[in-house]
Amino acid sequence: MTKLYFVRHAQPEHGWKDDFTRPLTKEGVEDSKKVTELLKDVIFDYCVCSPYKRSKDTIKECALQHGLDIREDIRLRERESNNGNTKEMIKERWLDFDKHEEGGESLKMVQNRNIEAILELLQENEGETILIGTHGTALSMIINYFDNNFGFDDFWRIIDFTPYIISMEFNKDILISKKELLMEKKLFKDKYIIKK
């Protein structure tokens, strides 16, 4: 069995313009300590992360505690977008995975690159336990690929969880089980998503 621990980053500075360098808030930094504490007894073999600062900063102390280097994989980054979000726009994307705004990515594009990375991990690290730093939409697309019952309502439920940890156990590339381990609720949808 191969076990993947996905860590969605802690609370970021939403007003920060550059998505790549967006840092964690002070509260987010404190909450990243909960990640380290929760996973302290897990024996990890490998660590990989989105190269975005908020993802790396959320897991860096955990990786250090386990003596692991954080390897970056650009395929695990968040969905590229320059149009903002409304609940209606998000719903439409979930209804049509090929839908995207000009200059942005569709959910299918996000899923394809994320799953390419995950399938490589499962093949190259069979039987190992892996720590993965990622993002909300990216992680939702990974869960949806292996469990197509995961849809918009599930994404909408976890959108406020930063950090959020879910473990997924695999036999080869078949999902055997998944378990939510940490759901640190921080207001996002009611504060930053435009309602329609």
C-alpha atoms as a PDB file:
ATOM      1  CA  MET A   1       0.000   0.000   0.000  1.00  0.00           C
ATOM      2  CA  THR A   2       1.101   3.538  -0.764  1.00  0.00           C
ATOM      3  CA  LYS A   3      -0.141   6.315   1.488  1.00  0.00           C
ATOM      4  CA  LEU A   4      -0.371   9.939   0.380  1.00  0.00           C
ATOM      5  CA  TYR A   5      -0.921  12.754   2.882  1.00  0.00           C
ATOM      6  CA  PHE A   6      -2.220  15.822   1.072  1.00  0.00           C
ATOM      7  CA  VAL A   7      -1.858  19.147   2.874  1.00  0.00           C
ATOM      8  CA  ARG A   8      -3.785  22.088   1.530  1.00  0.00           C
ATOM      9  CA  HIS A   9      -1.921  25.233   2.568  1.00  0.00           C
ATOM     10  CA  ALA A  10      -2.816  27.316   5.609  1.00  0.00           C
ATOM     11  CA  GLN A  11      -4.497  30.726   5.361  1.00  0.00           C
ATOM     12  CA  PRO A  12      -2.761  32.998   2.810  1.00  0.00           C
ATOM     13  CA  GLU A  13      -2.718  36.769   2.429  1.00  0.00           C
ATOM     14  CA  HIS A  14      -5.615  36.996  -0.017  1.00  0.00           C
ATOM     15  CA  GLY A  15      -4.836  40.609  -0.912  1.00  0.00           C
ATOM     16  CA  TRP A  16      -1.331  39.687  -2.131  1.00  0.00           C
ATOM     17  CA  LYS A  17      -1.256  40.216  -5.903  1.00  0.00           C
ATOM     18  CA  ASP A  18       1.352  37.655  -7.007  1.00  0.00           C
ATOM     19  CA  ASP A  19      -0.100  34.169  -6.652  1.00  0.00           C
ATOM     20  CA  PHE A  20       3.309  32.471  -6.772  1.00  0.00           C
ATOM     21  CA  THR A  21       4.802  34.423  -3.843  1.00  0.00           C
ATOM     22  CA  ARG A  22       1.611  34.880  -1.761  1.00  0.00           C
ATOM     23  CA  PRO A  23       2.641  34.311   1.884  1.00  0.00           C
ATOM     24  CA  LEU A  24       0.719  32.909   4.816  1.00  0.00           C
ATOM     25  CA  THR A  25      -0.964  35.253   7.275  1.00  0.00           C
ATOM     26  CA  LYS A  26       0.352  35.280  10.855  1.00  0.00           C
ATOM     27  CA  GLU A  27      -2.579  33.041  11.719  1.00  0.00           C
ATOM     28  CA  GLY A  28      -1.675  30.786   8.811  1.00  0.00           C
ATOM     29  CA  VAL A  29       1.894  30.463  10.092  1.00  0.00           C
ATOM     30  CA  GLU A  30       0.538  29.462  13.510  1.00  0.00           C
ATOM     31  CA  ASP A  31      -1.867  26.979  11.949  1.00  0.00           C
ATOM     32  CA  SER A  32       0.962  25.345   9.993  1.00  0.00           C
ATOM     33  CA  LYS A  33       2.298  24.222  13.383  1.00  0.00           C
ATOM     34  CA  LYS A  34      -0.872  22.125  13.718  1.00  0.00           C
ATOM     35  CA  VAL A  35       0.149  20.318  10.541  1.00  0.00           C
ATOM     36  CA  THR A  36       3.556  19.527  12.020  1.00  0.00           C
ATOM     37  CA  GLU A  37       2.037  18.371  15.310  1.00  0.00           C
ATOM     38  CA  LEU A  38      -0.631  16.207  13.709  1.00  0.00           C
ATOM     39  CA  LEU A  39       1.826  14.432  11.407  1.00  0.00           C
ATOM     40  CA  LYS A  40       4.731  14.109  13.856  1.00  0.00           C
ATOM     41  CA  ASP A  41       4.321  10.343  14.306  1.00  0.00           C
ATOM     42  CA  VAL A  42       3.878   9.496  10.629  1.00  0.00           C
ATOM     43  CA  ILE A  43       7.003   8.015   9.036  1.00  0.00           C
ATOM     44  CA  PHE A  44       7.363   9.740   5.682  1.00  0.00           C
ATOM     45  CA  ASP A  45       9.625   8.502   2.897  1.00  0.00           C
ATOM     46  CA  TYR A  46       9.268  11.413   0.511  1.00  0.00           C
ATOM     47  CA  CYS A  47       7.984  14.975   0.290  1.00  0.00           C
ATOM     48  CA  VAL A  48       6.793  16.907  -2.765  1.00  0.00           C
ATOM     49  CA  CYS A  49       5.034  20.234  -3.033  1.00  0.00           C
ATOM     50  CA  SER A  50       3.635  22.899  -5.277  1.00  0.00           C
ATOM     51  CA  PRO A  51       6.359  25.550  -5.712  1.00  0.00           C
ATOM     52  CA  TYR A  52       3.989  28.268  -4.463  1.00  0.00           C
ATOM     53  CA  LYS A  53       5.249  29.906  -1.269  1.00  0.00           C
ATOM     54  CA  ARG A  54       2.104  29.341   0.797  1.00  0.00           C
ATOM     55  CA  SER A  55       2.201  25.595   0.145  1.00  0.00           C
ATOM     56  CA  LYS A  56       5.885  25.209   0.919  1.00  0.00           C
ATOM     57  CA  ASP A  57       5.637  27.332   4.055  1.00  0.00           C
ATOM     58  CA  THR A  58       2.734  25.229   5.364  1.00  0.00           C
ATOM     59  CA  ILE A  59       4.715  21.976   5.279  1.00  0.00           C
ATOM     60  CA  LYS A  60       8.316  23.162   5.706  1.00  0.00           C
ATOM     61  CA  GLU A  61       8.497  22.548   9.480  1.00  0.00           C
ATOM     62  CA  CYS A  62       6.842  19.152   9.076  1.00  0.00           C
ATOM     63  CA  ALA A  63       9.342  18.186   6.358  1.00  0.00           C
ATOM     64  CA  LEU A  64      12.226  19.431   8.498  1.00  0.00           C
ATOM     65  CA  GLN A  65      10.981  17.433  11.484  1.00  0.00           C
ATOM     66  CA  HIS A  66      11.084  14.286   9.327  1.00  0.00           C
ATOM     67  CA  GLY A  67      14.467  15.101   7.779  1.00  0.00           C
ATOM     68  CA  LEU A  68      13.008  15.477   4.288  1.00  0.00           C
ATOM     69  CA  ASP A  69      13.866  17.851   1.484  1.00  0.00           C
ATOM     70  CA  ILE A  70      10.842  19.449  -0.156  1.00  0.00           C
ATOM     71  CA  ARG A  71      10.900  18.576  -3.844  1.00  0.00           C
ATOM     72  CA  GLU A  72       8.915  20.957  -6.005  1.00  0.00           C
ATOM     73  CA  ASP A  73       6.564  19.907  -8.795  1.00  0.00           C
ATOM     74  CA  ILE A  74       4.991  22.729 -10.799  1.00  0.00           C
ATOM     75  CA  ARG A  75       2.164  20.398 -11.837  1.00  0.00           C
ATOM     76  CA  LEU A  76       0.798  20.545  -8.264  1.00  0.00           C
ATOM     77  CA  ARG A  77       0.228  24.321  -8.449  1.00  0.00           C
ATOM     78  CA  GLU A  78      -3.175  25.960  -8.122  1.00  0.00           C
ATOM     79  CA  ARG A  79      -5.538  26.648 -11.025  1.00  0.00           C
ATOM     80  CA  GLU A  80      -4.397  29.616 -13.073  1.00  0.00           C
ATOM     81  CA  SER A  81      -7.032  32.350 -13.175  1.00  0.00           C
ATOM     82  CA  ASN A  82      -7.195  36.077 -13.740  1.00  0.00           C
ATOM     83  CA  ASN A  83     -10.949  36.622 -13.546  1.00  0.00           C
ATOM     84  CA  GLY A  84     -11.816  36.288  -9.873  1.00  0.00           C
ATOM     85  CA  ASN A  85     -14.600  34.018  -8.684  1.00  0.00           C
ATOM     86  CA  THR A  86     -18.294  33.963  -7.997  1.00  0.00           C
ATOM     87  CA  LYS A  87     -20.137  30.945  -6.646  1.00  0.00           C
ATOM     88  CA  GLU A  88     -21.959  30.713  -9.985  1.00  0.00           C
ATOM     89  CA  MET A  89     -18.668  30.678 -11.944  1.00  0.00           C
ATOM     90  CA  ILE A  90     -17.315  27.912  -9.710  1.00  0.00           C
ATOM     91  CA  LYS A  91     -20.514  25.878 -10.121  1.00  0.00           C
ATOM     92  CA  GLU A  92     -20.361  26.253 -13.894  1.00  0.00           C
ATOM     93  CA  ARG A  93     -16.796  24.944 -13.943  1.00  0.00           C
ATOM     94  CA  TRP A  94     -17.840  21.900 -11.908  1.00  0.00           C
ATOM     95  CA  LEU A  95     -20.692  21.250 -14.340  1.00  0.00           C
ATOM     96  CA  ASP A  96     -18.329  21.497 -17.319  1.00  0.00           C
ATOM     97  CA  PHE A  97     -14.718  20.566 -16.573  1.00  0.00           C
ATOM     98  CA  ASP A  98     -13.650  22.035 -19.937  1.00  0.00           C
ATOM     99  CA  LYS A  99     -15.039  25.511 -19.164  1.00  0.00           C
ATOM    100  CA  HIS A 100     -12.541  28.282 -18.494  1.00  0.00           C
ATOM    101  CA  GLU A 101     -12.290  32.025 -18.723  1.00  0.00           C
ATOM    102  CA  GLU A 102      -9.864  33.709 -21.084  1.00  0.00           C
ATOM    103  CA  GLY A 103      -6.333  33.367 -19.735  1.00  0.00           C
ATOM    104  CA  GLY A 104      -7.388  30.790 -17.137  1.00  0.00           C
ATOM    105  CA  GLU A 105      -7.339  27.020 -16.775  1.00  0.00           C
ATOM    106  CA  SER A 106     -10.296  24.662 -16.878  1.00  0.00           C
ATOM    107  CA  LEU A 107     -10.741  22.099 -14.125  1.00  0.00           C
ATOM    108  CA  LYS A 108      -9.840  19.411 -16.681  1.00  0.00           C
ATOM    109  CA  MET A 109      -6.490  21.139 -17.356  1.00  0.00           C
ATOM    110  CA  VAL A 110      -5.805  21.304 -13.617  1.00  0.00           C
ATOM    111  CA  GLN A 111      -6.810  17.674 -13.145  1.00  0.00           C
ATOM    112  CA  ASN A 112      -4.704  16.412 -16.050  1.00  0.00           C
ATOM    113  CA  ARG A 113      -1.440  17.943 -14.823  1.00  0.00           C
ATOM    114  CA  ASN A 114      -2.068  17.061 -11.172  1.00  0.00           C
ATOM    115  CA  ILE A 115      -2.977  13.459 -11.949  1.00  0.00           C
ATOM    116  CA  GLU A 116       0.072  13.085 -14.182  1.00  0.00           C
ATOM    117  CA  ALA A 117       2.196  14.009 -11.144  1.00  0.00           C
ATOM    118  CA  ILE A 118       0.274  11.781  -8.729  1.00  0.00           C
ATOM    119  CA  LEU A 119       0.341   8.718 -10.979  1.00  0.00           C
ATOM    120  CA  GLU A 120       4.107   9.132 -11.349  1.00  0.00           C
ATOM    121  CA  LEU A 121       4.441   9.305  -7.559  1.00  0.00           C
ATOM    122  CA  LEU A 122       2.363   6.161  -7.106  1.00  0.00           C
ATOM    123  CA  GLN A 123       4.400   4.273  -9.691  1.00  0.00           C
ATOM    124  CA  GLU A 124       7.841   5.438  -8.565  1.00  0.00           C
ATOM    125  CA  ASN A 125       7.233   5.287  -4.796  1.00  0.00           C
ATOM    126  CA  GLU A 126       5.084   2.190  -4.410  1.00  0.00           C
ATOM    127  CA  GLY A 127       4.677   1.120  -0.784  1.00  0.00           C
ATOM    128  CA  GLU A 128       5.932   4.452   0.574  1.00  0.00           C
ATOM    129  CA  THR A 129       4.323   7.219   2.608  1.00  0.00           C
ATOM    130  CA  ILE A 130       4.442  10.622   0.952  1.00  0.00           C
ATOM    131  CA  LEU A 131       3.803  14.171   2.181  1.00  0.00           C
ATOM    132  CA  ILE A 132       2.300  16.422  -0.515  1.00  0.00           C
ATOM    133  CA  GLY A 133       1.775  20.184  -0.279  1.00  0.00           C
ATOM    134  CA  THR A 134      -0.954  21.493  -2.551  1.00  0.00           C
ATOM    135  CA  HIS A 135      -3.998  23.768  -3.015  1.00  0.00           C
ATOM    136  CA  GLY A 136      -7.798  23.615  -2.741  1.00  0.00           C
ATOM    137  CA  THR A 137      -8.835  23.324  -6.381  1.00  0.00           C
ATOM    138  CA  ALA A 138      -5.833  21.175  -7.286  1.00  0.00           C
ATOM    139  CA  LEU A 139      -6.530  18.779  -4.404  1.00  0.00           C
ATOM    140  CA  SER A 140     -10.242  18.661  -5.238  1.00  0.00           C
ATOM    141  CA  MET A 141      -9.414  17.628  -8.780  1.00  0.00           C
ATOM    142  CA  ILE A 142      -7.161  14.858  -7.468  1.00  0.00           C
ATOM    143  CA  ILE A 143      -9.877  13.561  -5.134  1.00  0.00           C
ATOM    144  CA  ASN A 144     -12.470  13.768  -7.927  1.00  0.00           C
ATOM    145  CA  TYR A 145     -10.286  11.719 -10.289  1.00  0.00           C
ATOM    146  CA  PHE A 146     -10.039   8.821  -7.845  1.00  0.00           C
ATOM    147  CA  ASP A 147     -13.564   9.251  -6.407  1.00  0.00           C
ATOM    148  CA  ASN A 148     -15.971  10.762  -8.923  1.00  0.00           C
ATOM    149  CA  ASN A 149     -18.634  11.141  -6.234  1.00  0.00           C
ATOM    150  CA  PHE A 150     -16.593  14.132  -5.024  1.00  0.00           C
ATOM    151  CA  GLY A 151     -18.235  17.152  -6.653  1.00  0.00           C
ATOM    152  CA  PHE A 152     -19.079  20.805  -6.280  1.00  0.00           C
ATOM    153  CA  ASP A 153     -20.799  20.450  -2.885  1.00  0.00           C
ATOM    154  CA  ASP A 154     -17.730  18.696  -1.476  1.00  0.00           C
ATOM    155  CA  PHE A 155     -15.426  21.373  -2.871  1.00  0.00           C
ATOM    156  CA  TRP A 156     -17.687  24.092  -1.453  1.00  0.00           C
ATOM    157  CA  ARG A 157     -17.577  22.393   1.967  1.00  0.00           C
ATOM    158  CA  ILE A 158     -13.775  22.324   2.158  1.00  0.00           C
ATOM    159  CA  ILE A 159     -13.111  25.729   0.562  1.00  0.00           C
ATOM    160  CA  ASP A 160     -12.906  27.323   4.025  1.00  0.00           C
ATOM    161  CA  PHE A 161     -10.517  24.686   5.422  1.00  0.00           C
ATOM    162  CA  THR A 162      -6.979  26.099   5.512  1.00  0.00           C
ATOM    163  CA  PRO A 163      -5.013  24.063   6.341  1.00  0.00           C
ATOM    164  CA  TYR A 164      -6.793  20.877   5.376  1.00  0.00           C
ATOM    165  CA  ILE A 165      -5.252  17.405   5.478  1.00  0.00           C
ATOM    166  CA  ILE A 166      -6.593  14.259   3.870  1.00  0.00           C
ATOM    167  CA  SER A 167      -4.820  10.901   3.694  1.00  0.00           C
ATOM    168  CA  MET A 168      -5.433   8.562   0.764  1.00  0.00           C
ATOM    169  CA  GLU A 169      -4.295   4.945   0.650  1.00  0.00           C
ATOM    170  CA  PHE A 170      -3.649   3.183  -2.660  1.00  0.00           C
ATOM    171  CA  ASN A 171      -3.051  -0.307  -3.983  1.00  0.00           C
ATOM    172  CA  LYS A 172      -1.021   0.504  -7.117  1.00  0.00           C
ATOM    173  CA  ASP A 173      -3.133   3.354  -8.558  1.00  0.00           C
ATOM    174  CA  ILE A 174      -6.461   2.232  -7.079  1.00  0.00           C
ATOM    175  CA  LEU A 175      -7.821   4.294  -4.187  1.00  0.00           C
ATOM    176  CA  ILE A 176      -8.565   2.008  -1.232  1.00  0.00           C
ATOM    177  CA  SER A 177      -9.498   4.550   1.440  1.00  0.00           C
ATOM    178  CA  LYS A 178      -9.411   8.225   2.318  1.00  0.00           C
ATOM    179  CA  LYS A 179      -9.656  10.020   5.639  1.00  0.00           C
ATOM    180  CA  GLU A 180      -9.868  13.691   6.589  1.00  0.00           C
ATOM    181  CA  LEU A 181      -7.385  14.455   9.358  1.00  0.00           C
ATOM    182  CA  LEU A 182      -7.413  18.246   9.800  1.00  0.00           C
ATOM    183  CA  MET A 183     -10.024  20.850   8.896  1.00  0.00           C
ATOM    184  CA  GLU A 184      -8.995  24.265  10.204  1.00  0.00           C
ATOM    185  CA  LYS A 185     -11.903  26.530   9.291  1.00  0.00           C
ATOM    186  CA  LYS A 186     -11.065  30.059   8.123  1.00  0.00           C
ATOM    187  CA  LEU A 187     -13.582  32.323   6.386  1.00  0.00           C
ATOM    188  CA  PHE A 188     -13.030  32.458   2.662  1.00  0.00           C
ATOM    189  CA  LYS A 189     -16.219  31.907   0.699  1.00  0.00           C
ATOM    190  CA  ASP A 190     -18.250  34.381   2.761  1.00  0.00           C
ATOM    191  CA  LYS A 191     -15.511  36.992   2.588  1.00  0.00           C
ATOM    192  CA  TYR A 192     -13.850  36.640  -0.822  1.00  0.00           C
ATOM    193  CA  ILE A 193     -16.306  34.808  -3.087  1.00  0.00           C
ATOM    194  CA  ILE A 194     -18.807  37.128  -4.743  1.00  0.00           C
ATOM    195  CA  LYS A 195     -22.293  35.714  -4.275  1.00  0.00           C
ATOM    196  CA  LYS A 196     -24.683  35.568  -7.193  1.00  0.00           C
END
